[in-house]
Amino acid sequence: MESKKYQVFISSTYIDLIEERRKVMDVLLMADCIPAGMEAFVATDDEQFNVIKKVIDLCDYYILIIGRRYGSINPSTNQSYTEMEYEYAKRKGIPVLVFAIDTTITLPSNKIETETNRIEKLTQFREKALNNRLASIWTDSGDLAGKVAIAIMQAKREIKRPGWQRAVDYDEASLRKQIMELTEKNQELENSLNAAEEKILELTSYNDLAFEDCNYTIGYTYYIRIGTSLSGVPRHEKKRSNKTLALTKIFEKIATEMMGVSITENRITTIICHLVDSTQTIYLDDEQIPKKILNQLKELHLVKSTWSDERKALYWGLTTKGQKVRNEMILIKSK
């Protein structure tokens, strides 16, 4: 039996999903997980939300349950705290499991949004969340519990996370010394690796790779509102389009964002989507497009990737060559 346990954050609106949350917590306990539901601490301001973020930071997986209510809205972001929690977990690279209720199910009026603005926000949030790879639809609390049980076992098997393990007896002084020695050794290896990479940049030529004459035709999907159903739910129509972007334009935008910092692939994807269409939320037909673009730029020695153990995420930054190319693009020279 595995001694390691995984902490799972349960996010949802609260009053309308009390029974569903209870069953999900039962499932997690039976799956040797540690539920972190924050039932007694629902965010109502930024200070309380910061406390919740610290709890999310300690979790291995994140479960989002979507019902028919949007929840309390933060006035500064104009988003519900549930949606803010979801976006924070995504930014932190925590695996997200999404479970959205079947909208054809009849529910009591106190479990359904009635305000048009909240209905529209809930619809957009739901569409965004269901775009997640690990997403499913549930019909009742029993169905939800079954799907959570399957999903969490699949996640534990396919997405490795640190988890928690009972501490054993150890010599603290000896352990501290080992940590310091390993940290120092790790820094030496990192310096050597960086020096080697710089040397490779000097010796390697990639004249056969396209940059200035490289273009990407990006297909995408978006939704436009076409009216409201008889029950007051906004109706949307799915549209498809495409746009061709020059790699140089994409690199300029990404490189300017990397001014002294490294950024995640999610942030780079957002930049590309904004270049494609800045007027609305879009969904890329080929989700691998950002990876293909980053791979092209990496082989051109313009960007490099670094894994962050602290944040459990891959970050992208500029190489020395990339900084020079970016500066040539954006710096204003004297006449």
C-alpha atoms as a PDB file:
ATOM      1  CA  MET A   1       0.000   0.000   0.000  1.00  0.00           C
ATOM      2  CA  GLU A   2       1.333   3.431  -0.948  1.00  0.00           C
ATOM      3  CA  SER A   3       2.377   5.420   2.137  1.00  0.00           C
ATOM      4  CA  LYS A   4       2.260   8.733   0.343  1.00  0.00           C
ATOM      5  CA  LYS A   5      -0.952  10.777   0.517  1.00  0.00           C
ATOM      6  CA  TYR A   6      -2.026  13.541  -1.836  1.00  0.00           C
ATOM      7  CA  GLN A   7      -3.704  16.773  -0.791  1.00  0.00           C
ATOM      8  CA  VAL A   8      -6.634  17.807  -2.999  1.00  0.00           C
ATOM      9  CA  PHE A   9      -8.277  21.229  -3.000  1.00  0.00           C
ATOM     10  CA  ILE A  10     -12.057  21.205  -3.590  1.00  0.00           C
ATOM     11  CA  SER A  11     -13.333  24.391  -5.202  1.00  0.00           C
ATOM     12  CA  SER A  12     -16.973  25.280  -5.861  1.00  0.00           C
ATOM     13  CA  THR A  13     -19.771  27.537  -4.808  1.00  0.00           C
ATOM     14  CA  TYR A  14     -20.793  26.395  -1.338  1.00  0.00           C
ATOM     15  CA  ILE A  15     -24.461  26.648  -0.296  1.00  0.00           C
ATOM     16  CA  ASP A  16     -25.869  25.023  -3.462  1.00  0.00           C
ATOM     17  CA  LEU A  17     -23.316  22.178  -3.509  1.00  0.00           C
ATOM     18  CA  ILE A  18     -23.029  21.140   0.161  1.00  0.00           C
ATOM     19  CA  GLU A  19     -24.170  17.548  -0.476  1.00  0.00           C
ATOM     20  CA  GLU A  20     -21.969  17.181  -3.548  1.00  0.00           C
ATOM     21  CA  ARG A  21     -18.890  18.482  -1.707  1.00  0.00           C
ATOM     22  CA  ARG A  22     -19.500  16.067   1.178  1.00  0.00           C
ATOM     23  CA  LYS A  23     -19.613  13.074  -1.175  1.00  0.00           C
ATOM     24  CA  VAL A  24     -16.486  14.219  -2.996  1.00  0.00           C
ATOM     25  CA  MET A  25     -14.657  14.529   0.335  1.00  0.00           C
ATOM     26  CA  ASP A  26     -15.741  10.969   1.234  1.00  0.00           C
ATOM     27  CA  VAL A  27     -14.406   9.698  -2.097  1.00  0.00           C
ATOM     28  CA  LEU A  28     -11.064  11.448  -1.577  1.00  0.00           C
ATOM     29  CA  LEU A  29     -10.671  10.028   1.930  1.00  0.00           C
ATOM     30  CA  MET A  30     -11.313   6.513   0.599  1.00  0.00           C
ATOM     31  CA  ALA A  31      -8.698   7.165  -2.107  1.00  0.00           C
ATOM     32  CA  ASP A  32      -6.066   7.958   0.569  1.00  0.00           C
ATOM     33  CA  CYS A  33      -6.172  11.676  -0.246  1.00  0.00           C
ATOM     34  CA  ILE A  34      -6.300  14.676   2.068  1.00  0.00           C
ATOM     35  CA  PRO A  35      -9.262  16.924   1.159  1.00  0.00           C
ATOM     36  CA  ALA A  36      -8.702  20.673   1.505  1.00  0.00           C
ATOM     37  CA  GLY A  37     -12.167  22.094   1.091  1.00  0.00           C
ATOM     38  CA  MET A  38     -12.073  25.337   3.119  1.00  0.00           C
ATOM     39  CA  GLU A  39     -15.750  24.868   4.015  1.00  0.00           C
ATOM     40  CA  ALA A  40     -15.455  27.095   7.061  1.00  0.00           C
ATOM     41  CA  PHE A  41     -13.459  29.762   5.263  1.00  0.00           C
ATOM     42  CA  VAL A  42     -15.078  31.160   2.114  1.00  0.00           C
ATOM     43  CA  ALA A  43     -13.235  34.117   0.590  1.00  0.00           C
ATOM     44  CA  THR A  44     -15.067  37.444   0.760  1.00  0.00           C
ATOM     45  CA  ASP A  45     -12.129  39.820   0.236  1.00  0.00           C
ATOM     46  CA  ASP A  46      -8.568  39.872  -1.112  1.00  0.00           C
ATOM     47  CA  GLU A  47      -6.972  39.237   2.275  1.00  0.00           C
ATOM     48  CA  GLN A  48      -8.976  36.046   2.813  1.00  0.00           C
ATOM     49  CA  PHE A  49      -8.336  34.974  -0.776  1.00  0.00           C
ATOM     50  CA  ASN A  50      -4.585  35.229  -0.111  1.00  0.00           C
ATOM     51  CA  VAL A  51      -5.020  32.700   2.705  1.00  0.00           C
ATOM     52  CA  ILE A  52      -6.814  30.328   0.320  1.00  0.00           C
ATOM     53  CA  LYS A  53      -4.012  30.715  -2.237  1.00  0.00           C
ATOM     54  CA  LYS A  54      -1.516  29.502   0.367  1.00  0.00           C
ATOM     55  CA  VAL A  55      -3.649  26.393   0.917  1.00  0.00           C
ATOM     56  CA  ILE A  56      -3.816  25.782  -2.857  1.00  0.00           C
ATOM     57  CA  ASP A  57      -0.005  26.084  -3.014  1.00  0.00           C
ATOM     58  CA  LEU A  58       0.270  23.051  -0.727  1.00  0.00           C
ATOM     59  CA  CYS A  59      -2.109  20.881  -2.762  1.00  0.00           C
ATOM     60  CA  ASP A  60      -1.167  18.204  -5.291  1.00  0.00           C
ATOM     61  CA  TYR A  61      -4.411  18.288  -7.272  1.00  0.00           C
ATOM     62  CA  TYR A  62      -7.303  20.717  -7.662  1.00  0.00           C
ATOM     63  CA  ILE A  63     -10.940  19.687  -8.134  1.00  0.00           C
ATOM     64  CA  LEU A  64     -13.413  22.211  -9.557  1.00  0.00           C
ATOM     65  CA  ILE A  65     -17.128  21.455  -9.213  1.00  0.00           C
ATOM     66  CA  ILE A  66     -19.383  23.685 -11.318  1.00  0.00           C
ATOM     67  CA  GLY A  67     -23.105  23.861 -10.560  1.00  0.00           C
ATOM     68  CA  ARG A  68     -25.650  26.434 -11.723  1.00  0.00           C
ATOM     69  CA  ARG A  69     -24.499  29.317  -9.511  1.00  0.00           C
ATOM     70  CA  TYR A  70     -21.547  31.644 -10.193  1.00  0.00           C
ATOM     71  CA  GLY A  71     -20.751  32.627  -6.598  1.00  0.00           C
ATOM     72  CA  SER A  72     -19.545  35.769  -4.819  1.00  0.00           C
ATOM     73  CA  ILE A  73     -17.820  38.259  -7.121  1.00  0.00           C
ATOM     74  CA  ASN A  74     -14.602  40.077  -6.268  1.00  0.00           C
ATOM     75  CA  PRO A  75     -15.231  43.774  -7.111  1.00  0.00           C
ATOM     76  CA  SER A  76     -11.622  44.385  -8.132  1.00  0.00           C
ATOM     77  CA  THR A  77     -11.454  41.529 -10.674  1.00  0.00           C
ATOM     78  CA  ASN A  78     -15.161  41.233 -11.539  1.00  0.00           C
ATOM     79  CA  GLN A  79     -14.746  37.461 -11.239  1.00  0.00           C
ATOM     80  CA  SER A  80     -16.166  35.026  -8.724  1.00  0.00           C
ATOM     81  CA  TYR A  81     -13.771  33.780  -6.076  1.00  0.00           C
ATOM     82  CA  THR A  82     -14.311  30.250  -7.432  1.00  0.00           C
ATOM     83  CA  GLU A  83     -13.101  31.328 -10.875  1.00  0.00           C
ATOM     84  CA  MET A  84     -10.176  33.181  -9.288  1.00  0.00           C
ATOM     85  CA  GLU A  85      -9.204  30.014  -7.398  1.00  0.00           C
ATOM     86  CA  TYR A  86      -9.363  28.016 -10.650  1.00  0.00           C
ATOM     87  CA  GLU A  87      -7.166  30.477 -12.552  1.00  0.00           C
ATOM     88  CA  TYR A  88      -4.681  30.619  -9.675  1.00  0.00           C
ATOM     89  CA  ALA A  89      -4.361  26.817  -9.616  1.00  0.00           C
ATOM     90  CA  LYS A  90      -3.790  26.807 -13.386  1.00  0.00           C
ATOM     91  CA  ARG A  91      -1.090  29.482 -13.076  1.00  0.00           C
ATOM     92  CA  LYS A  92       0.642  27.470 -10.366  1.00  0.00           C
ATOM     93  CA  GLY A  93       0.724  24.395 -12.597  1.00  0.00           C
ATOM     94  CA  ILE A  94      -1.457  22.298 -10.283  1.00  0.00           C
ATOM     95  CA  PRO A  95      -3.322  19.535 -12.186  1.00  0.00           C
ATOM     96  CA  VAL A  96      -6.990  20.560 -12.440  1.00  0.00           C
ATOM     97  CA  LEU A  97      -9.921  18.117 -12.577  1.00  0.00           C
ATOM     98  CA  VAL A  98     -13.160  19.767 -13.719  1.00  0.00           C
ATOM     99  CA  PHE A  99     -16.679  18.440 -13.068  1.00  0.00           C
ATOM    100  CA  ALA A 100     -19.557  20.512 -14.491  1.00  0.00           C
ATOM    101  CA  ILE A 101     -23.238  19.753 -13.955  1.00  0.00           C
ATOM    102  CA  ASP A 102     -25.411  18.737 -16.898  1.00  0.00           C
ATOM    103  CA  THR A 103     -27.340  21.944 -17.701  1.00  0.00           C
ATOM    104  CA  THR A 104     -30.414  19.964 -18.760  1.00  0.00           C
ATOM    105  CA  ILE A 105     -30.947  18.747 -15.182  1.00  0.00           C
ATOM    106  CA  THR A 106     -33.845  20.390 -13.331  1.00  0.00           C
ATOM    107  CA  LEU A 107     -32.772  22.039 -10.062  1.00  0.00           C
ATOM    108  CA  PRO A 108     -34.564  24.050  -7.339  1.00  0.00           C
ATOM    109  CA  SER A 109     -34.711  27.783  -8.042  1.00  0.00           C
ATOM    110  CA  ASN A 110     -32.341  28.580  -5.150  1.00  0.00           C
ATOM    111  CA  LYS A 111     -29.606  26.589  -6.896  1.00  0.00           C
ATOM    112  CA  ILE A 112     -29.844  28.460 -10.209  1.00  0.00           C
ATOM    113  CA  GLU A 113     -28.580  31.919 -11.177  1.00  0.00           C
ATOM    114  CA  THR A 114     -31.297  34.334 -12.226  1.00  0.00           C
ATOM    115  CA  GLU A 115     -29.346  37.532 -12.964  1.00  0.00           C
ATOM    116  CA  THR A 116     -28.394  37.873 -16.640  1.00  0.00           C
ATOM    117  CA  ASN A 117     -24.907  39.166 -15.865  1.00  0.00           C
ATOM    118  CA  ARG A 118     -24.116  36.253 -13.545  1.00  0.00           C
ATOM    119  CA  ILE A 119     -25.573  33.722 -15.977  1.00  0.00           C
ATOM    120  CA  GLU A 120     -23.319  35.030 -18.732  1.00  0.00           C
ATOM    121  CA  LYS A 121     -20.233  34.957 -16.488  1.00  0.00           C
ATOM    122  CA  LEU A 122     -21.061  31.400 -15.391  1.00  0.00           C
ATOM    123  CA  THR A 123     -21.497  30.286 -19.023  1.00  0.00           C
ATOM    124  CA  GLN A 124     -18.114  31.728 -20.018  1.00  0.00           C
ATOM    125  CA  PHE A 125     -16.406  30.238 -16.957  1.00  0.00           C
ATOM    126  CA  ARG A 126     -17.958  26.832 -17.663  1.00  0.00           C
ATOM    127  CA  GLU A 127     -16.847  26.875 -21.319  1.00  0.00           C
ATOM    128  CA  LYS A 128     -13.316  27.821 -20.298  1.00  0.00           C
ATOM    129  CA  ALA A 129     -13.090  25.156 -17.591  1.00  0.00           C
ATOM    130  CA  LEU A 130     -14.513  22.377 -19.802  1.00  0.00           C
ATOM    131  CA  ASN A 131     -11.688  23.053 -22.246  1.00  0.00           C
ATOM    132  CA  ASN A 132      -9.462  21.379 -19.653  1.00  0.00           C
ATOM    133  CA  ARG A 133      -8.192  17.902 -20.617  1.00  0.00           C
ATOM    134  CA  LEU A 134      -9.477  16.338 -17.388  1.00  0.00           C
ATOM    135  CA  ALA A 135     -13.106  17.506 -17.537  1.00  0.00           C
ATOM    136  CA  SER A 136     -16.443  15.691 -17.355  1.00  0.00           C
ATOM    137  CA  ILE A 137     -20.191  16.259 -16.932  1.00  0.00           C
ATOM    138  CA  TRP A 138     -22.200  14.998 -13.920  1.00  0.00           C
ATOM    139  CA  THR A 139     -25.931  14.607 -13.360  1.00  0.00           C
ATOM    140  CA  ASP A 140     -26.316  14.060  -9.608  1.00  0.00           C
ATOM    141  CA  SER A 141     -24.193  13.687  -6.462  1.00  0.00           C
ATOM    142  CA  GLY A 142     -23.823   9.928  -6.941  1.00  0.00           C
ATOM    143  CA  ASP A 143     -22.700  10.312 -10.532  1.00  0.00           C
ATOM    144  CA  LEU A 144     -20.284  13.065  -9.459  1.00  0.00           C
ATOM    145  CA  ALA A 145     -18.767  10.894  -6.726  1.00  0.00           C
ATOM    146  CA  GLY A 146     -18.181   8.040  -9.169  1.00  0.00           C
ATOM    147  CA  LYS A 147     -16.511  10.261 -11.739  1.00  0.00           C
ATOM    148  CA  VAL A 148     -14.317  11.928  -9.119  1.00  0.00           C
ATOM    149  CA  ALA A 149     -13.184   8.500  -7.880  1.00  0.00           C
ATOM    150  CA  ILE A 150     -12.141   7.455 -11.387  1.00  0.00           C
ATOM    151  CA  ALA A 151     -10.533  10.805 -12.222  1.00  0.00           C
ATOM    152  CA  ILE A 152      -8.443  11.094  -9.046  1.00  0.00           C
ATOM    153  CA  MET A 153      -7.092   7.545  -9.453  1.00  0.00           C
ATOM    154  CA  GLN A 154      -6.225   8.314 -13.075  1.00  0.00           C
ATOM    155  CA  ALA A 155      -4.552  11.579 -12.078  1.00  0.00           C
ATOM    156  CA  LYS A 156      -2.480   9.889  -9.347  1.00  0.00           C
ATOM    157  CA  ARG A 157      -1.366   7.290 -11.870  1.00  0.00           C
ATOM    158  CA  GLU A 158      -0.581   9.610 -14.810  1.00  0.00           C
ATOM    159  CA  ILE A 159       0.404  12.941 -13.231  1.00  0.00           C
ATOM    160  CA  LYS A 160       3.103  12.484 -10.627  1.00  0.00           C
ATOM    161  CA  ARG A 161       2.959  14.927  -7.706  1.00  0.00           C
ATOM    162  CA  PRO A 162       5.092  15.368  -4.540  1.00  0.00           C
ATOM    163  CA  GLY A 163       2.428  14.246  -2.074  1.00  0.00           C
ATOM    164  CA  TRP A 164       2.909  13.956   1.685  1.00  0.00           C
ATOM    165  CA  GLN A 165       4.706  11.235   3.576  1.00  0.00           C
ATOM    166  CA  ARG A 166       5.133  10.584   7.287  1.00  0.00           C
ATOM    167  CA  ALA A 167       8.505  11.823   8.511  1.00  0.00           C
ATOM    168  CA  VAL A 168      11.009   9.309   9.874  1.00  0.00           C
ATOM    169  CA  ASP A 169      13.693   9.792  12.517  1.00  0.00           C
ATOM    170  CA  TYR A 170      16.736  11.631  11.196  1.00  0.00           C
ATOM    171  CA  ASP A 171      19.805  13.549  12.350  1.00  0.00           C
ATOM    172  CA  GLU A 172      18.773  17.155  11.710  1.00  0.00           C
ATOM    173  CA  ALA A 173      22.311  18.565  11.767  1.00  0.00           C
ATOM    174  CA  SER A 174      23.552  15.922   9.320  1.00  0.00           C
ATOM    175  CA  LEU A 175      20.569  16.491   7.043  1.00  0.00           C
ATOM    176  CA  ARG A 176      21.111  20.264   7.002  1.00  0.00           C
ATOM    177  CA  LYS A 177      24.764  19.756   6.085  1.00  0.00           C
ATOM    178  CA  GLN A 178      23.805  17.420   3.229  1.00  0.00           C
ATOM    179  CA  ILE A 179      21.270  19.920   1.930  1.00  0.00           C
ATOM    180  CA  MET A 180      23.865  22.716   1.929  1.00  0.00           C
ATOM    181  CA  GLU A 181      26.420  20.518   0.143  1.00  0.00           C
ATOM    182  CA  LEU A 182      23.866  19.416  -2.463  1.00  0.00           C
ATOM    183  CA  THR A 183      22.694  22.995  -2.993  1.00  0.00           C
ATOM    184  CA  GLU A 184      26.276  24.127  -3.581  1.00  0.00           C
ATOM    185  CA  LYS A 185      26.931  21.217  -5.942  1.00  0.00           C
ATOM    186  CA  ASN A 186      23.714  21.920  -7.816  1.00  0.00           C
ATOM    187  CA  GLN A 187      24.752  25.547  -8.323  1.00  0.00           C
ATOM    188  CA  GLU A 188      28.147  24.456  -9.682  1.00  0.00           C
ATOM    189  CA  LEU A 189      26.462  22.062 -12.122  1.00  0.00           C
ATOM    190  CA  GLU A 190      23.986  24.745 -13.207  1.00  0.00           C
ATOM    191  CA  ASN A 191      26.833  27.197 -13.878  1.00  0.00           C
ATOM    192  CA  SER A 192      28.680  24.566 -15.889  1.00  0.00           C
ATOM    193  CA  LEU A 193      25.547  23.769 -17.879  1.00  0.00           C
ATOM    194  CA  ASN A 194      24.925  27.440 -18.668  1.00  0.00           C
ATOM    195  CA  ALA A 195      28.531  27.853 -19.820  1.00  0.00           C
ATOM    196  CA  ALA A 196      28.209  24.778 -22.041  1.00  0.00           C
ATOM    197  CA  GLU A 197      24.971  26.074 -23.567  1.00  0.00           C
ATOM    198  CA  GLU A 198      26.595  29.416 -24.366  1.00  0.00           C
ATOM    199  CA  LYS A 199      29.486  27.573 -26.016  1.00  0.00           C
ATOM    200  CA  ILE A 200      27.064  25.531 -28.122  1.00  0.00           C
ATOM    201  CA  LEU A 201      25.416  28.766 -29.257  1.00  0.00           C
ATOM    202  CA  GLU A 202      28.778  30.029 -30.482  1.00  0.00           C
ATOM    203  CA  LEU A 203      29.642  26.831 -32.349  1.00  0.00           C
ATOM    204  CA  THR A 204      26.262  25.816 -33.803  1.00  0.00           C
ATOM    205  CA  SER A 205      24.773  27.334 -36.936  1.00  0.00           C
ATOM    206  CA  TYR A 206      21.130  26.924 -37.938  1.00  0.00           C
ATOM    207  CA  ASN A 207      21.057  28.709 -41.276  1.00  0.00           C
ATOM    208  CA  ASP A 208      18.498  26.225 -42.569  1.00  0.00           C
ATOM    209  CA  LEU A 209      15.854  27.185 -39.972  1.00  0.00           C
ATOM    210  CA  ALA A 210      13.334  29.868 -40.904  1.00  0.00           C
ATOM    211  CA  PHE A 211      12.854  32.971 -38.788  1.00  0.00           C
ATOM    212  CA  GLU A 212      12.220  36.171 -40.734  1.00  0.00           C
ATOM    213  CA  ASP A 213      10.412  34.251 -43.489  1.00  0.00           C
ATOM    214  CA  CYS A 214       8.537  31.933 -41.098  1.00  0.00           C
ATOM    215  CA  ASN A 215       4.752  32.272 -40.735  1.00  0.00           C
ATOM    216  CA  TYR A 216       2.128  30.333 -38.768  1.00  0.00           C
ATOM    217  CA  THR A 217      -1.502  30.077 -39.874  1.00  0.00           C
ATOM    218  CA  ILE A 218      -3.432  29.659 -36.636  1.00  0.00           C
ATOM    219  CA  GLY A 219      -6.972  28.280 -36.684  1.00  0.00           C
ATOM    220  CA  TYR A 220      -9.197  29.124 -33.762  1.00  0.00           C
ATOM    221  CA  THR A 221     -12.729  28.922 -32.386  1.00  0.00           C
ATOM    222  CA  TYR A 222     -14.762  31.578 -30.598  1.00  0.00           C
ATOM    223  CA  TYR A 223     -18.342  32.106 -29.450  1.00  0.00           C
ATOM    224  CA  ILE A 224     -20.730  34.986 -30.141  1.00  0.00           C
ATOM    225  CA  ARG A 225     -23.895  35.627 -28.222  1.00  0.00           C
ATOM    226  CA  ILE A 226     -27.010  35.235 -30.371  1.00  0.00           C
ATOM    227  CA  GLY A 227     -29.757  35.729 -27.830  1.00  0.00           C
ATOM    228  CA  THR A 228     -31.342  34.256 -24.737  1.00  0.00           C
ATOM    229  CA  SER A 229     -33.334  31.071 -24.255  1.00  0.00           C
ATOM    230  CA  LEU A 230     -36.844  31.053 -22.784  1.00  0.00           C
ATOM    231  CA  SER A 231     -35.350  30.130 -19.403  1.00  0.00           C
ATOM    232  CA  GLY A 232     -33.064  33.169 -19.491  1.00  0.00           C
ATOM    233  CA  VAL A 233     -29.825  31.316 -20.319  1.00  0.00           C
ATOM    234  CA  PRO A 234     -27.633  33.146 -22.871  1.00  0.00           C
ATOM    235  CA  ARG A 235     -27.301  31.340 -26.200  1.00  0.00           C
ATOM    236  CA  HIS A 236     -24.003  31.335 -28.069  1.00  0.00           C
ATOM    237  CA  GLU A 237     -23.027  30.369 -31.600  1.00  0.00           C
ATOM    238  CA  LYS A 238     -19.700  28.702 -32.321  1.00  0.00           C
ATOM    239  CA  LYS A 239     -17.546  30.402 -34.978  1.00  0.00           C
ATOM    240  CA  ARG A 240     -14.248  29.404 -36.568  1.00  0.00           C
ATOM    241  CA  SER A 241     -11.568  31.515 -38.211  1.00  0.00           C
ATOM    242  CA  ASN A 242      -7.810  31.690 -38.755  1.00  0.00           C
ATOM    243  CA  LYS A 243      -5.041  34.262 -38.866  1.00  0.00           C
ATOM    244  CA  THR A 244      -1.488  34.159 -40.199  1.00  0.00           C
ATOM    245  CA  LEU A 245       1.211  35.553 -37.909  1.00  0.00           C
ATOM    246  CA  ALA A 246       4.877  36.119 -38.687  1.00  0.00           C
ATOM    247  CA  LEU A 247       7.251  34.352 -36.292  1.00  0.00           C
ATOM    248  CA  THR A 248       9.191  37.606 -35.928  1.00  0.00           C
ATOM    249  CA  LYS A 249       6.034  39.361 -34.665  1.00  0.00           C
ATOM    250  CA  ILE A 250       5.300  36.538 -32.228  1.00  0.00           C
ATOM    251  CA  PHE A 251       8.891  36.574 -30.970  1.00  0.00           C
ATOM    252  CA  GLU A 252       8.881  40.358 -30.522  1.00  0.00           C
ATOM    253  CA  LYS A 253       5.777  40.181 -28.314  1.00  0.00           C
ATOM    254  CA  ILE A 254       7.013  37.198 -26.304  1.00  0.00           C
ATOM    255  CA  ALA A 255      10.548  38.597 -25.946  1.00  0.00           C
ATOM    256  CA  THR A 256       9.274  41.985 -24.750  1.00  0.00           C
ATOM    257  CA  GLU A 257       7.266  40.161 -22.068  1.00  0.00           C
ATOM    258  CA  MET A 258      10.493  38.371 -21.060  1.00  0.00           C
ATOM    259  CA  MET A 259      12.172  41.630 -20.063  1.00  0.00           C
ATOM    260  CA  GLY A 260      14.419  40.303 -17.302  1.00  0.00           C
ATOM    261  CA  VAL A 261      12.028  37.478 -16.349  1.00  0.00           C
ATOM    262  CA  SER A 262      11.002  34.002 -17.486  1.00  0.00           C
ATOM    263  CA  ILE A 263       7.348  33.168 -18.194  1.00  0.00           C
ATOM    264  CA  THR A 264       5.247  30.017 -18.447  1.00  0.00           C
ATOM    265  CA  GLU A 265       3.888  28.381 -21.588  1.00  0.00           C
ATOM    266  CA  ASN A 266       0.361  29.331 -20.447  1.00  0.00           C
ATOM    267  CA  ARG A 267       1.381  33.005 -20.469  1.00  0.00           C
ATOM    268  CA  ILE A 268       2.965  32.592 -23.912  1.00  0.00           C
ATOM    269  CA  THR A 269      -0.233  30.941 -25.187  1.00  0.00           C
ATOM    270  CA  THR A 270      -2.222  33.922 -23.887  1.00  0.00           C
ATOM    271  CA  ILE A 271       0.102  36.321 -25.741  1.00  0.00           C
ATOM    272  CA  ILE A 272      -0.310  34.367 -28.991  1.00  0.00           C
ATOM    273  CA  CYS A 273      -4.105  34.278 -28.597  1.00  0.00           C
ATOM    274  CA  HIS A 274      -4.125  38.046 -27.997  1.00  0.00           C
ATOM    275  CA  LEU A 275      -2.123  38.555 -31.199  1.00  0.00           C
ATOM    276  CA  VAL A 276      -4.625  36.411 -33.095  1.00  0.00           C
ATOM    277  CA  ASP A 277      -7.712  38.212 -31.742  1.00  0.00           C
ATOM    278  CA  SER A 278      -7.601  40.713 -28.881  1.00  0.00           C
ATOM    279  CA  THR A 279     -11.367  41.360 -28.881  1.00  0.00           C
ATOM    280  CA  GLN A 280     -12.637  38.081 -27.451  1.00  0.00           C
ATOM    281  CA  THR A 281     -11.787  34.761 -25.830  1.00  0.00           C
ATOM    282  CA  ILE A 282     -10.555  32.257 -28.409  1.00  0.00           C
ATOM    283  CA  TYR A 283      -9.665  28.560 -28.354  1.00  0.00           C
ATOM    284  CA  LEU A 284      -6.845  27.290 -30.587  1.00  0.00           C
ATOM    285  CA  ASP A 285      -7.752  24.457 -32.961  1.00  0.00           C
ATOM    286  CA  ASP A 286      -4.249  23.055 -32.545  1.00  0.00           C
ATOM    287  CA  GLU A 287      -3.243  23.289 -28.883  1.00  0.00           C
ATOM    288  CA  GLN A 288       0.298  22.270 -29.885  1.00  0.00           C
ATOM    289  CA  ILE A 289       0.870  25.516 -31.835  1.00  0.00           C
ATOM    290  CA  PRO A 290       2.550  27.323 -28.873  1.00  0.00           C
ATOM    291  CA  LYS A 291       4.846  24.303 -28.354  1.00  0.00           C
ATOM    292  CA  LYS A 292       5.754  24.266 -32.064  1.00  0.00           C
ATOM    293  CA  ILE A 293       6.538  27.986 -31.982  1.00  0.00           C
ATOM    294  CA  LEU A 294       8.633  27.621 -28.821  1.00  0.00           C
ATOM    295  CA  ASN A 295      10.495  24.670 -30.327  1.00  0.00           C
ATOM    296  CA  GLN A 296      11.320  26.702 -33.451  1.00  0.00           C
ATOM    297  CA  LEU A 297      12.571  29.601 -31.322  1.00  0.00           C
ATOM    298  CA  LYS A 298      14.545  27.236 -29.093  1.00  0.00           C
ATOM    299  CA  GLU A 299      16.304  25.597 -32.043  1.00  0.00           C
ATOM    300  CA  LEU A 300      17.086  29.101 -33.330  1.00  0.00           C
ATOM    301  CA  HIS A 301      18.748  29.626 -29.913  1.00  0.00           C
ATOM    302  CA  LEU A 302      16.507  32.578 -29.150  1.00  0.00           C
ATOM    303  CA  VAL A 303      14.776  31.116 -26.079  1.00  0.00           C
ATOM    304  CA  LYS A 304      15.614  28.495 -23.454  1.00  0.00           C
ATOM    305  CA  SER A 305      13.557  26.595 -20.886  1.00  0.00           C
ATOM    306  CA  THR A 306      14.170  26.125 -17.172  1.00  0.00           C
ATOM    307  CA  TRP A 307      12.328  23.817 -14.763  1.00  0.00           C
ATOM    308  CA  SER A 308      11.342  25.364 -11.412  1.00  0.00           C
ATOM    309  CA  ASP A 309      11.295  22.808  -8.587  1.00  0.00           C
ATOM    310  CA  GLU A 310       9.707  25.383  -6.298  1.00  0.00           C
ATOM    311  CA  ARG A 311       6.776  26.123  -8.595  1.00  0.00           C
ATOM    312  CA  LYS A 312       6.704  22.701 -10.296  1.00  0.00           C
ATOM    313  CA  ALA A 313       6.504  24.377 -13.710  1.00  0.00           C
ATOM    314  CA  LEU A 314       8.550  24.950 -16.870  1.00  0.00           C
ATOM    315  CA  TYR A 315       9.603  28.554 -17.502  1.00  0.00           C
ATOM    316  CA  TRP A 316      10.821  30.118 -20.744  1.00  0.00           C
ATOM    317  CA  GLY A 317      13.339  32.950 -21.014  1.00  0.00           C
ATOM    318  CA  LEU A 318      15.654  34.560 -23.545  1.00  0.00           C
ATOM    319  CA  THR A 319      19.154  33.405 -24.413  1.00  0.00           C
ATOM    320  CA  THR A 320      21.933  35.955 -24.895  1.00  0.00           C
ATOM    321  CA  LYS A 321      21.257  35.758 -28.619  1.00  0.00           C
ATOM    322  CA  GLY A 322      17.517  36.204 -28.021  1.00  0.00           C
ATOM    323  CA  GLN A 323      18.136  39.353 -25.989  1.00  0.00           C
ATOM    324  CA  LYS A 324      20.242  40.803 -28.797  1.00  0.00           C
ATOM    325  CA  VAL A 325      17.605  39.998 -31.450  1.00  0.00           C
ATOM    326  CA  ARG A 326      14.843  41.482 -29.277  1.00  0.00           C
ATOM    327  CA  ASN A 327      16.818  44.673 -28.699  1.00  0.00           C
ATOM    328  CA  GLU A 328      17.422  45.027 -32.438  1.00  0.00           C
ATOM    329  CA  MET A 329      13.654  44.855 -32.883  1.00  0.00           C
ATOM    330  CA  ILE A 330      12.470  47.262 -30.195  1.00  0.00           C
ATOM    331  CA  LEU A 331      15.263  49.709 -29.370  1.00  0.00           C
ATOM    332  CA  ILE A 332      15.099  53.143 -30.974  1.00  0.00           C
ATOM    333  CA  LYS A 333      18.419  54.121 -32.532  1.00  0.00           C
ATOM    334  CA  SER A 334      19.703  57.630 -33.116  1.00  0.00           C
ATOM    335  CA  LYS A 335      19.638  58.907 -36.675  1.00  0.00           C
END
